[in-house]
């Protein structure tokens, strides 16, 4: 899957990776672990990536974490909403390892 692809790229580059199953879990993991960056999908059960990004931005604990949206949705409206909710960057699937590592590198 695309998620496994991203995880593989990041682990191969030496990053520690935590995986959340949905937006609510992503928020709770972000508060607990305070990661350097979050790779966020848009389409998820329980809470979509737009809402999860907005919640993370509004919480002082997680507001500074870089959020990189990686989605198969390639509409300019999706990119607009992701930015409006606080995404740092928007990458379209399939994401290249260079683009993903560059986005993560900017997060450090």
PDB file of N, CA and C in Angstrom:
ATOM      1  N   UNK A   1       0.834  -1.200   0.000  1.00  0.00           N
ATOM      2  CA  UNK A   1       0.000   0.000   0.000  1.00  0.00           C
ATOM      3  C   UNK A   1       0.876   1.260   0.000  1.00  0.00           C
ATOM      4  N   UNK A   2       0.261   2.390  -0.289  1.00  0.00           N
ATOM      5  CA  UNK A   2       1.002   3.660  -0.331  1.00  0.00           C
ATOM      6  C   UNK A   2       1.584   3.989   1.038  1.00  0.00           C
ATOM      7  N   UNK A   3       0.836   3.664   2.092  1.00  0.00           N
ATOM      8  CA  UNK A   3       1.321   3.936   3.443  1.00  0.00           C
ATOM      9  C   UNK A   3       2.568   3.106   3.733  1.00  0.00           C
ATOM     10  N   UNK A   4       2.517   1.816   3.375  1.00  0.00           N
ATOM     11  CA  UNK A   4       3.686   0.954   3.570  1.00  0.00           C
ATOM     12  C   UNK A   4       4.884   1.489   2.793  1.00  0.00           C
ATOM     13  N   UNK A   5       4.616   2.020   1.598  1.00  0.00           N
ATOM     14  CA  UNK A   5       5.665   2.595   0.752  1.00  0.00           C
ATOM     15  C   UNK A   5       6.356   3.752   1.473  1.00  0.00           C
ATOM     16  N   UNK A   6       5.570   4.658   2.043  1.00  0.00           N
ATOM     17  CA  UNK A   6       6.124   5.810   2.771  1.00  0.00           C
ATOM     18  C   UNK A   6       6.906   5.363   4.000  1.00  0.00           C
ATOM     19  N   UNK A   7       6.339   4.407   4.740  1.00  0.00           N
ATOM     20  CA  UNK A   7       6.997   3.894   5.947  1.00  0.00           C
ATOM     21  C   UNK A   7       8.343   3.282   5.586  1.00  0.00           C
ATOM     22  N   UNK A   8       8.360   2.506   4.504  1.00  0.00           N
ATOM     23  CA  UNK A   8       9.594   1.847   4.059  1.00  0.00           C
ATOM     24  C   UNK A   8      10.670   2.871   3.714  1.00  0.00           C
ATOM     25  N   UNK A   9      10.283   3.914   2.980  1.00  0.00           N
ATOM     26  CA  UNK A   9      11.219   4.985   2.599  1.00  0.00           C
ATOM     27  C   UNK A   9      11.820   5.627   3.847  1.00  0.00           C
ATOM     28  N   UNK A  10      10.966   5.970   4.805  1.00  0.00           N
ATOM     29  CA  UNK A  10      11.412   6.671   6.013  1.00  0.00           C
ATOM     30  C   UNK A  10      12.301   5.790   6.887  1.00  0.00           C
ATOM     31  N   UNK A  11      11.903   4.529   7.054  1.00  0.00           N
ATOM     32  CA  UNK A  11      12.714   3.621   7.880  1.00  0.00           C
ATOM     33  C   UNK A  11      14.072   3.366   7.240  1.00  0.00           C
ATOM     34  N   UNK A  12      14.083   3.207   5.917  1.00  0.00           N
ATOM     35  CA  UNK A  12      15.336   2.960   5.199  1.00  0.00           C
ATOM     36  C   UNK A  12      16.295   4.136   5.378  1.00  0.00           C
ATOM     37  N   UNK A  13      15.726   5.333   5.503  1.00  0.00           N
ATOM     38  CA  UNK A  13      16.542   6.545   5.688  1.00  0.00           C
ATOM     39  C   UNK A  13      16.918   6.758   7.159  1.00  0.00           C
ATOM     40  N   UNK A  14      16.506   5.828   8.033  1.00  0.00           N
ATOM     41  CA  UNK A  14      16.916   5.900   9.434  1.00  0.00           C
ATOM     42  C   UNK A  14      15.969   6.627  10.366  1.00  0.00           C
ATOM     43  N   UNK A  15      14.763   6.922   9.894  1.00  0.00           N
ATOM     44  CA  UNK A  15      13.787   7.612  10.745  1.00  0.00           C
ATOM     45  C   UNK A  15      12.993   6.612  11.575  1.00  0.00           C
ATOM     46  N   UNK A  16      12.639   6.990  12.793  1.00  0.00           N
ATOM     47  CA  UNK A  16      11.706   6.207  13.594  1.00  0.00           C
ATOM     48  C   UNK A  16      10.306   6.545  13.098  1.00  0.00           C
ATOM     49  N   UNK A  17       9.483   5.534  12.899  1.00  0.00           N
ATOM     50  CA  UNK A  17       8.150   5.765  12.357  1.00  0.00           C
ATOM     51  C   UNK A  17       7.098   5.148  13.281  1.00  0.00           C
ATOM     52  N   UNK A  18       6.094   5.946  13.626  1.00  0.00           N
ATOM     53  CA  UNK A  18       4.926   5.468  14.370  1.00  0.00           C
ATOM     54  C   UNK A  18       3.752   5.522  13.409  1.00  0.00           C
ATOM     55  N   UNK A  19       2.875   4.515  13.446  1.00  0.00           N
ATOM     56  CA  UNK A  19       1.743   4.497  12.520  1.00  0.00           C
ATOM     57  C   UNK A  19       0.420   4.605  13.264  1.00  0.00           C
ATOM     58  N   UNK A  20      -0.435   5.494  12.773  1.00  0.00           N
ATOM     59  CA  UNK A  20      -1.788   5.645  13.319  1.00  0.00           C
ATOM     60  C   UNK A  20      -2.779   5.139  12.272  1.00  0.00           C
ATOM     61  N   UNK A  21      -3.893   4.582  12.742  1.00  0.00           N
ATOM     62  CA  UNK A  21      -4.896   4.012  11.832  1.00  0.00           C
ATOM     63  C   UNK A  21      -5.908   5.039  11.329  1.00  0.00           C
ATOM     64  N   UNK A  22      -6.058   6.136  12.082  1.00  0.00           N
ATOM     65  CA  UNK A  22      -7.042   7.149  11.681  1.00  0.00           C
ATOM     66  C   UNK A  22      -6.658   8.500  12.283  1.00  0.00           C
ATOM     67  N   UNK A  23      -7.438   9.512  11.949  1.00  0.00           N
ATOM     68  CA  UNK A  23      -7.137  10.868  12.394  1.00  0.00           C
ATOM     69  C   UNK A  23      -7.132  11.041  13.903  1.00  0.00           C
ATOM     70  N   UNK A  24      -8.083  10.407  14.585  1.00  0.00           N
ATOM     71  CA  UNK A  24      -8.146  10.528  16.046  1.00  0.00           C
ATOM     72  C   UNK A  24      -6.909   9.923  16.701  1.00  0.00           C
ATOM     73  N   UNK A  25      -6.500   8.758  16.196  1.00  0.00           N
ATOM     74  CA  UNK A  25      -5.314   8.110  16.736  1.00  0.00           C
ATOM     75  C   UNK A  25      -4.064   8.939  16.433  1.00  0.00           C
ATOM     76  N   UNK A  26      -4.031   9.555  15.267  1.00  0.00           N
ATOM     77  CA  UNK A  26      -2.885  10.401  14.896  1.00  0.00           C
ATOM     78  C   UNK A  26      -2.728  11.559  15.883  1.00  0.00           C
ATOM     79  N   UNK A  27      -3.840  12.175  16.251  1.00  0.00           N
ATOM     80  CA  UNK A  27      -3.800  13.297  17.195  1.00  0.00           C
ATOM     81  C   UNK A  27      -3.296  12.836  18.560  1.00  0.00           C
ATOM     82  N   UNK A  28      -3.828  11.711  19.032  1.00  0.00           N
ATOM     83  CA  UNK A  28      -3.427  11.237  20.344  1.00  0.00           C
ATOM     84  C   UNK A  28      -1.948  10.811  20.351  1.00  0.00           C
ATOM     85  N   UNK A  29      -1.485  10.186  19.275  1.00  0.00           N
ATOM     86  CA  UNK A  29      -0.071   9.795  19.193  1.00  0.00           C
ATOM     87  C   UNK A  29       0.831  11.023  19.093  1.00  0.00           C
ATOM     88  N   UNK A  30       0.387  12.029  18.366  1.00  0.00           N
ATOM     89  CA  UNK A  30       1.184  13.255  18.224  1.00  0.00           C
ATOM     90  C   UNK A  30       1.352  13.941  19.576  1.00  0.00           C
ATOM     91  N   UNK A  31       0.284  13.990  20.368  1.00  0.00           N
ATOM     92  CA  UNK A  31       0.362  14.611  21.698  1.00  0.00           C
ATOM     93  C   UNK A  31       1.286  13.825  22.626  1.00  0.00           C
ATOM     94  N   UNK A  32       1.271  12.504  22.497  1.00  0.00           N
ATOM     95  CA  UNK A  32       2.063  11.655  23.378  1.00  0.00           C
ATOM     96  C   UNK A  32       3.546  11.647  22.996  1.00  0.00           C
ATOM     97  N   UNK A  33       3.834  11.589  21.686  1.00  0.00           N
ATOM     98  CA  UNK A  33       5.212  11.392  21.228  1.00  0.00           C
ATOM     99  C   UNK A  33       5.892  12.647  20.675  1.00  0.00           C
ATOM    100  N   UNK A  34       5.098  13.687  20.361  1.00  0.00           N
ATOM    101  CA  UNK A  34       5.626  14.934  19.780  1.00  0.00           C
ATOM    102  C   UNK A  34       6.674  14.659  18.681  1.00  0.00           C
ATOM    103  N   UNK A  35       6.240  14.084  17.581  1.00  0.00           N
ATOM    104  CA  UNK A  35       7.173  13.757  16.498  1.00  0.00           C
ATOM    105  C   UNK A  35       7.702  15.005  15.789  1.00  0.00           C
ATOM    106  N   UNK A  36       8.788  14.838  15.034  1.00  0.00           N
ATOM    107  CA  UNK A  36       9.340  15.951  14.255  1.00  0.00           C
ATOM    108  C   UNK A  36       8.411  16.312  13.105  1.00  0.00           C
ATOM    109  N   UNK A  37       7.736  15.301  12.555  1.00  0.00           N
ATOM    110  CA  UNK A  37       6.856  15.533  11.407  1.00  0.00           C
ATOM    111  C   UNK A  37       5.746  14.496  11.399  1.00  0.00           C
ATOM    112  N   UNK A  38       4.657  14.841  10.733  1.00  0.00           N
ATOM    113  CA  UNK A  38       3.527  13.929  10.573  1.00  0.00           C
ATOM    114  C   UNK A  38       3.212  13.824   9.091  1.00  0.00           C
ATOM    115  N   UNK A  39       3.133  12.581   8.606  1.00  0.00           N
ATOM    116  CA  UNK A  39       2.682  12.328   7.235  1.00  0.00           C
ATOM    117  C   UNK A  39       1.188  12.049   7.360  1.00  0.00           C
ATOM    118  N   UNK A  40       0.371  12.901   6.751  1.00  0.00           N
ATOM    119  CA  UNK A  40      -1.080  12.840   6.943  1.00  0.00           C
ATOM    120  C   UNK A  40      -1.790  12.488   5.644  1.00  0.00           C
ATOM    121  N   UNK A  41      -2.659  11.490   5.712  1.00  0.00           N
ATOM    122  CA  UNK A  41      -3.522  11.179   4.573  1.00  0.00           C
ATOM    123  C   UNK A  41      -4.795  12.004   4.727  1.00  0.00           C
ATOM    124  N   UNK A  42      -5.533  12.183   3.641  1.00  0.00           N
ATOM    125  CA  UNK A  42      -6.804  12.915   3.720  1.00  0.00           C
ATOM    126  C   UNK A  42      -7.945  11.948   4.055  1.00  0.00           C
ATOM    127  N   UNK A  43      -8.008  10.850   3.306  1.00  0.00           N
ATOM    128  CA  UNK A  43      -9.118   9.913   3.441  1.00  0.00           C
ATOM    129  C   UNK A  43      -8.794   8.891   4.523  1.00  0.00           C
ATOM    130  N   UNK A  44      -9.448   9.043   5.683  1.00  0.00           N
ATOM    131  CA  UNK A  44      -9.245   8.130   6.808  1.00  0.00           C
ATOM    132  C   UNK A  44     -10.569   7.934   7.529  1.00  0.00           C
ATOM    133  N   UNK A  45     -10.728   6.783   8.197  1.00  0.00           N
ATOM    134  CA  UNK A  45     -11.960   6.588   8.978  1.00  0.00           C
ATOM    135  C   UNK A  45     -11.969   7.473  10.223  1.00  0.00           C
ATOM    136  N   UNK A  46     -13.157   7.683  10.784  1.00  0.00           N
ATOM    137  CA  UNK A  46     -13.366   8.425  12.034  1.00  0.00           C
ATOM    138  C   UNK A  46     -13.165   9.927  11.917  1.00  0.00           C
ATOM    139  N   UNK A  47     -12.032  10.360  11.376  1.00  0.00           N
ATOM    140  CA  UNK A  47     -11.748  11.788  11.203  1.00  0.00           C
ATOM    141  C   UNK A  47     -10.803  11.929  10.020  1.00  0.00           C
ATOM    142  N   UNK A  48     -11.159  12.776   9.058  1.00  0.00           N
ATOM    143  CA  UNK A  48     -10.285  12.883   7.887  1.00  0.00           C
ATOM    144  C   UNK A  48      -9.051  13.736   8.182  1.00  0.00           C
ATOM    145  N   UNK A  49      -8.137  13.747   7.230  1.00  0.00           N
ATOM    146  CA  UNK A  49      -6.865  14.438   7.411  1.00  0.00           C
ATOM    147  C   UNK A  49      -6.994  15.948   7.563  1.00  0.00           C
ATOM    148  N   UNK A  50      -8.013  16.534   6.914  1.00  0.00           N
ATOM    149  CA  UNK A  50      -8.222  17.976   7.056  1.00  0.00           C
ATOM    150  C   UNK A  50      -8.539  18.314   8.510  1.00  0.00           C
ATOM    151  N   UNK A  51      -9.481  17.565   9.100  1.00  0.00           N
ATOM    152  CA  UNK A  51      -9.895  17.816  10.488  1.00  0.00           C
ATOM    153  C   UNK A  51      -8.758  17.529  11.465  1.00  0.00           C
ATOM    154  N   UNK A  52      -8.049  16.423  11.229  1.00  0.00           N
ATOM    155  CA  UNK A  52      -6.943  16.060  12.117  1.00  0.00           C
ATOM    156  C   UNK A  52      -5.857  17.135  12.083  1.00  0.00           C
ATOM    157  N   UNK A  53      -5.558  17.637  10.889  1.00  0.00           N
ATOM    158  CA  UNK A  53      -4.554  18.696  10.742  1.00  0.00           C
ATOM    159  C   UNK A  53      -4.995  19.942  11.498  1.00  0.00           C
ATOM    160  N   UNK A  54      -6.266  20.314  11.346  1.00  0.00           N
ATOM    161  CA  UNK A  54      -6.813  21.495  12.029  1.00  0.00           C
ATOM    162  C   UNK A  54      -6.696  21.333  13.551  1.00  0.00           C
ATOM    163  N   UNK A  55      -7.051  20.155  14.066  1.00  0.00           N
ATOM    164  CA  UNK A  55      -6.958  19.901  15.518  1.00  0.00           C
ATOM    165  C   UNK A  55      -5.518  20.004  16.008  1.00  0.00           C
ATOM    166  N   UNK A  56      -4.584  19.459  15.249  1.00  0.00           N
ATOM    167  CA  UNK A  56      -3.171  19.509  15.639  1.00  0.00           C
ATOM    168  C   UNK A  56      -2.657  20.948  15.641  1.00  0.00           C
ATOM    169  N   UNK A  57      -3.107  21.751  14.684  1.00  0.00           N
ATOM    170  CA  UNK A  57      -2.686  23.156  14.602  1.00  0.00           C
ATOM    171  C   UNK A  57      -3.255  23.989  15.742  1.00  0.00           C
ATOM    172  N   UNK A  58      -4.450  23.637  16.192  1.00  0.00           N
ATOM    173  CA  UNK A  58      -5.108  24.434  17.237  1.00  0.00           C
ATOM    174  C   UNK A  58      -4.621  24.083  18.642  1.00  0.00           C
ATOM    175  N   UNK A  59      -3.927  22.959  18.783  1.00  0.00           N
ATOM    176  CA  UNK A  59      -3.431  22.514  20.085  1.00  0.00           C
ATOM    177  C   UNK A  59      -2.011  23.057  20.276  1.00  0.00           C
ATOM    178  N   UNK A  60      -1.786  23.885  21.318  1.00  0.00           N
ATOM    179  CA  UNK A  60      -0.445  24.452  21.541  1.00  0.00           C
ATOM    180  C   UNK A  60       0.660  23.392  21.647  1.00  0.00           C
ATOM    181  N   UNK A  61       0.298  22.183  22.116  1.00  0.00           N
ATOM    182  CA  UNK A  61       1.295  21.112  22.239  1.00  0.00           C
ATOM    183  C   UNK A  61       1.816  20.639  20.883  1.00  0.00           C
ATOM    184  N   UNK A  62       0.937  20.651  19.886  1.00  0.00           N
ATOM    185  CA  UNK A  62       1.288  20.071  18.585  1.00  0.00           C
ATOM    186  C   UNK A  62       1.308  21.091  17.443  1.00  0.00           C
ATOM    187  N   UNK A  63       1.054  22.355  17.761  1.00  0.00           N
ATOM    188  CA  UNK A  63       0.887  23.362  16.702  1.00  0.00           C
ATOM    189  C   UNK A  63       2.130  23.581  15.842  1.00  0.00           C
ATOM    190  N   UNK A  64       3.319  23.294  16.383  1.00  0.00           N
ATOM    191  CA  UNK A  64       4.546  23.555  15.622  1.00  0.00           C
ATOM    192  C   UNK A  64       5.041  22.341  14.825  1.00  0.00           C
ATOM    193  N   UNK A  65       4.387  21.188  14.973  1.00  0.00           N
ATOM    194  CA  UNK A  65       4.828  19.987  14.248  1.00  0.00           C
ATOM    195  C   UNK A  65       4.532  20.151  12.762  1.00  0.00           C
ATOM    196  N   UNK A  66       5.526  19.834  11.949  1.00  0.00           N
ATOM    197  CA  UNK A  66       5.360  19.923  10.496  1.00  0.00           C
ATOM    198  C   UNK A  66       4.420  18.808  10.027  1.00  0.00           C
ATOM    199  N   UNK A  67       3.400  19.171   9.269  1.00  0.00           N
ATOM    200  CA  UNK A  67       2.428  18.198   8.759  1.00  0.00           C
ATOM    201  C   UNK A  67       2.517  18.150   7.237  1.00  0.00           C
ATOM    202  N   UNK A  68       2.878  16.974   6.734  1.00  0.00           N
ATOM    203  CA  UNK A  68       3.002  16.780   5.296  1.00  0.00           C
ATOM    204  C   UNK A  68       1.841  15.902   4.848  1.00  0.00           C
ATOM    205  N   UNK A  69       0.947  16.476   4.071  1.00  0.00           N
ATOM    206  CA  UNK A  69      -0.187  15.708   3.557  1.00  0.00           C
ATOM    207  C   UNK A  69       0.289  14.934   2.335  1.00  0.00           C
ATOM    208  N   UNK A  70       0.042  13.630   2.346  1.00  0.00           N
ATOM    209  CA  UNK A  70       0.342  12.773   1.204  1.00  0.00           C
ATOM    210  C   UNK A  70      -0.978  12.128   0.805  1.00  0.00           C
ATOM    211  N   UNK A  71      -1.474  12.488  -0.380  1.00  0.00           N
ATOM    212  CA  UNK A  71      -2.805  12.033  -0.776  1.00  0.00           C
ATOM    213  C   UNK A  71      -2.872  11.700  -2.253  1.00  0.00           C
ATOM    214  N   UNK A  72      -3.801  10.804  -2.595  1.00  0.00           N
ATOM    215  CA  UNK A  72      -4.038  10.502  -4.011  1.00  0.00           C
ATOM    216  C   UNK A  72      -4.955  11.563  -4.615  1.00  0.00           C
ATOM    217  N   UNK A  73      -5.545  12.393  -3.765  1.00  0.00           N
ATOM    218  CA  UNK A  73      -6.430  13.464  -4.249  1.00  0.00           C
ATOM    219  C   UNK A  73      -5.568  14.608  -4.802  1.00  0.00           C
ATOM    220  N   UNK A  74      -5.727  14.870  -6.095  1.00  0.00           N
ATOM    221  CA  UNK A  74      -4.847  15.827  -6.764  1.00  0.00           C
ATOM    222  C   UNK A  74      -5.580  17.099  -7.213  1.00  0.00           C
ATOM    223  N   UNK A  75      -6.726  17.368  -6.619  1.00  0.00           N
ATOM    224  CA  UNK A  75      -7.478  18.570  -6.991  1.00  0.00           C
ATOM    225  C   UNK A  75      -6.879  19.795  -6.303  1.00  0.00           C
ATOM    226  N   UNK A  76      -6.896  20.923  -6.996  1.00  0.00           N
ATOM    227  CA  UNK A  76      -6.365  22.138  -6.377  1.00  0.00           C
ATOM    228  C   UNK A  76      -7.176  22.498  -5.130  1.00  0.00           C
ATOM    229  N   UNK A  77      -8.465  22.138  -5.098  1.00  0.00           N
ATOM    230  CA  UNK A  77      -9.283  22.433  -3.912  1.00  0.00           C
ATOM    231  C   UNK A  77      -8.793  21.644  -2.694  1.00  0.00           C
ATOM    232  N   UNK A  78      -8.341  20.393  -2.914  1.00  0.00           N
ATOM    233  CA  UNK A  78      -7.809  19.599  -1.802  1.00  0.00           C
ATOM    234  C   UNK A  78      -6.534  20.234  -1.267  1.00  0.00           C
ATOM    235  N   UNK A  79      -5.681  20.677  -2.177  1.00  0.00           N
ATOM    236  CA  UNK A  79      -4.427  21.325  -1.766  1.00  0.00           C
ATOM    237  C   UNK A  79      -4.728  22.623  -1.014  1.00  0.00           C
ATOM    238  N   UNK A  80      -5.714  23.361  -1.509  1.00  0.00           N
ATOM    239  CA  UNK A  80      -6.113  24.612  -0.869  1.00  0.00           C
ATOM    240  C   UNK A  80      -6.596  24.343   0.561  1.00  0.00           C
ATOM    241  N   UNK A  81      -7.494  23.346   0.732  1.00  0.00           N
ATOM    242  CA  UNK A  81      -8.041  23.063   2.064  1.00  0.00           C
ATOM    243  C   UNK A  81      -6.973  22.534   3.010  1.00  0.00           C
ATOM    244  N   UNK A  82      -6.060  21.735   2.484  1.00  0.00           N
ATOM    245  CA  UNK A  82      -4.975  21.213   3.326  1.00  0.00           C
ATOM    246  C   UNK A  82      -4.144  22.378   3.875  1.00  0.00           C
ATOM    247  N   UNK A  83      -3.800  23.321   3.008  1.00  0.00           N
ATOM    248  CA  UNK A  83      -3.013  24.497   3.443  1.00  0.00           C
ATOM    249  C   UNK A  83      -3.824  25.337   4.428  1.00  0.00           C
ATOM    250  N   UNK A  84      -5.107  25.522   4.115  1.00  0.00           N
ATOM    251  CA  UNK A  84      -5.970  26.343   4.967  1.00  0.00           C
ATOM    252  C   UNK A  84      -6.097  25.754   6.380  1.00  0.00           C
ATOM    253  N   UNK A  85      -6.099  24.433   6.480  1.00  0.00           N
ATOM    254  CA  UNK A  85      -6.205  23.771   7.785  1.00  0.00           C
ATOM    255  C   UNK A  85      -4.853  23.698   8.498  1.00  0.00           C
ATOM    256  N   UNK A  86      -3.765  24.046   7.783  1.00  0.00           N
ATOM    257  CA  UNK A  86      -2.472  24.126   8.452  1.00  0.00           C
ATOM    258  C   UNK A  86      -1.394  23.171   7.968  1.00  0.00           C
ATOM    259  N   UNK A  87      -1.635  22.474   6.859  1.00  0.00           N
ATOM    260  CA  UNK A  87      -0.601  21.572   6.342  1.00  0.00           C
ATOM    261  C   UNK A  87       0.621  22.376   5.899  1.00  0.00           C
ATOM    262  N   UNK A  88       1.799  21.847   6.190  1.00  0.00           N
ATOM    263  CA  UNK A  88       3.037  22.506   5.802  1.00  0.00           C
ATOM    264  C   UNK A  88       3.329  22.265   4.318  1.00  0.00           C
ATOM    265  N   UNK A  89       2.932  21.079   3.855  1.00  0.00           N
ATOM    266  CA  UNK A  89       3.238  20.689   2.483  1.00  0.00           C
ATOM    267  C   UNK A  89       2.216  19.675   2.000  1.00  0.00           C
ATOM    268  N   UNK A  90       2.080  19.561   0.669  1.00  0.00           N
ATOM    269  CA  UNK A  90       1.118  18.623   0.076  1.00  0.00           C
ATOM    270  C   UNK A  90       1.820  17.845  -1.007  1.00  0.00           C
ATOM    271  N   UNK A  91       1.930  16.538  -0.848  1.00  0.00           N
ATOM    272  CA  UNK A  91       2.544  15.673  -1.851  1.00  0.00           C
ATOM    273  C   UNK A  91       1.472  14.731  -2.390  1.00  0.00           C
ATOM    274  N   UNK A  92       1.548  14.440  -3.685  1.00  0.00           N
ATOM    275  CA  UNK A  92       0.564  13.567  -4.316  1.00  0.00           C
ATOM    276  C   UNK A  92       1.130  12.163  -4.487  1.00  0.00           C
ATOM    277  N   UNK A  93       0.301  11.154  -4.176  1.00  0.00           N
ATOM    278  CA  UNK A  93       0.693   9.758  -4.367  1.00  0.00           C
ATOM    279  C   UNK A  93       0.691   9.434  -5.863  1.00  0.00           C
ATOM    280  N   UNK A  94       1.551   8.545  -6.319  1.00  0.00           N
ATOM    281  CA  UNK A  94       2.613   7.899  -5.544  1.00  0.00           C
ATOM    282  C   UNK A  94       3.737   8.899  -5.284  1.00  0.00           C
ATOM    283  N   UNK A  95       4.167   8.995  -4.038  1.00  0.00           N
ATOM    284  CA  UNK A  95       5.193   9.969  -3.667  1.00  0.00           C
ATOM    285  C   UNK A  95       6.575   9.350  -3.897  1.00  0.00           C
ATOM    286  N   UNK A  96       7.482  10.147  -4.421  1.00  0.00           N
ATOM    287  CA  UNK A  96       8.843   9.639  -4.645  1.00  0.00           C
ATOM    288  C   UNK A  96       9.623   9.716  -3.339  1.00  0.00           C
ATOM    289  N   UNK A  97      10.612   8.836  -3.200  1.00  0.00           N
ATOM    290  CA  UNK A  97      11.411   8.860  -1.976  1.00  0.00           C
ATOM    291  C   UNK A  97      12.131  10.192  -1.836  1.00  0.00           C
ATOM    292  N   UNK A  98      12.579  10.773  -2.947  1.00  0.00           N
ATOM    293  CA  UNK A  98      13.272  12.069  -2.889  1.00  0.00           C
ATOM    294  C   UNK A  98      12.362  13.158  -2.324  1.00  0.00           C
ATOM    295  N   UNK A  99      11.131  13.218  -2.837  1.00  0.00           N
ATOM    296  CA  UNK A  99      10.193  14.257  -2.383  1.00  0.00           C
ATOM    297  C   UNK A  99       9.847  14.083  -0.904  1.00  0.00           C
ATOM    298  N   UNK A 100       9.613  12.836  -0.510  1.00  0.00           N
ATOM    299  CA  UNK A 100       9.237  12.572   0.877  1.00  0.00           C
ATOM    300  C   UNK A 100      10.389  12.896   1.826  1.00  0.00           C
ATOM    301  N   UNK A 101      11.584  12.464   1.480  1.00  0.00           N
ATOM    302  CA  UNK A 101      12.743  12.729   2.356  1.00  0.00           C
ATOM    303  C   UNK A 101      13.080  14.206   2.395  1.00  0.00           C
ATOM    304  N   UNK A 102      12.884  14.893   1.290  1.00  0.00           N
ATOM    305  CA  UNK A 102      13.099  16.345   1.254  1.00  0.00           C
ATOM    306  C   UNK A 102      12.107  17.031   2.204  1.00  0.00           C
ATOM    307  N   UNK A 103      10.848  16.607   2.138  1.00  0.00           N
ATOM    308  CA  UNK A 103       9.816  17.190   3.012  1.00  0.00           C
ATOM    309  C   UNK A 103      10.143  16.930   4.486  1.00  0.00           C
ATOM    310  N   UNK A 104      10.584  15.707   4.801  1.00  0.00           N
ATOM    311  CA  UNK A 104      10.960  15.352   6.171  1.00  0.00           C
ATOM    312  C   UNK A 104      12.205  16.122   6.600  1.00  0.00           C
ATOM    313  N   UNK A 105      13.151  16.246   5.684  1.00  0.00           N
ATOM    314  CA  UNK A 105      14.399  16.972   5.976  1.00  0.00           C
ATOM    315  C   UNK A 105      14.117  18.405   6.360  1.00  0.00           C
ATOM    316  N   UNK A 106      13.122  19.003   5.726  1.00  0.00           N
ATOM    317  CA  UNK A 106      12.750  20.384   6.046  1.00  0.00           C
ATOM    318  C   UNK A 106      12.090  20.455   7.407  1.00  0.00           C
ATOM    319  N   UNK A 107      11.688  19.293   7.934  1.00  0.00           N
ATOM    320  CA  UNK A 107      10.989  19.268   9.222  1.00  0.00           C
ATOM    321  C   UNK A 107      11.976  19.298  10.395  1.00  0.00           C
ATOM    322  N   UNK A 108      13.188  18.896  10.139  1.00  0.00           N
ATOM    323  CA  UNK A 108      14.162  18.746  11.246  1.00  0.00           C
ATOM    324  C   UNK A 108      14.516  20.093  11.849  1.00  0.00           C
TER     325      UNK A 108
END
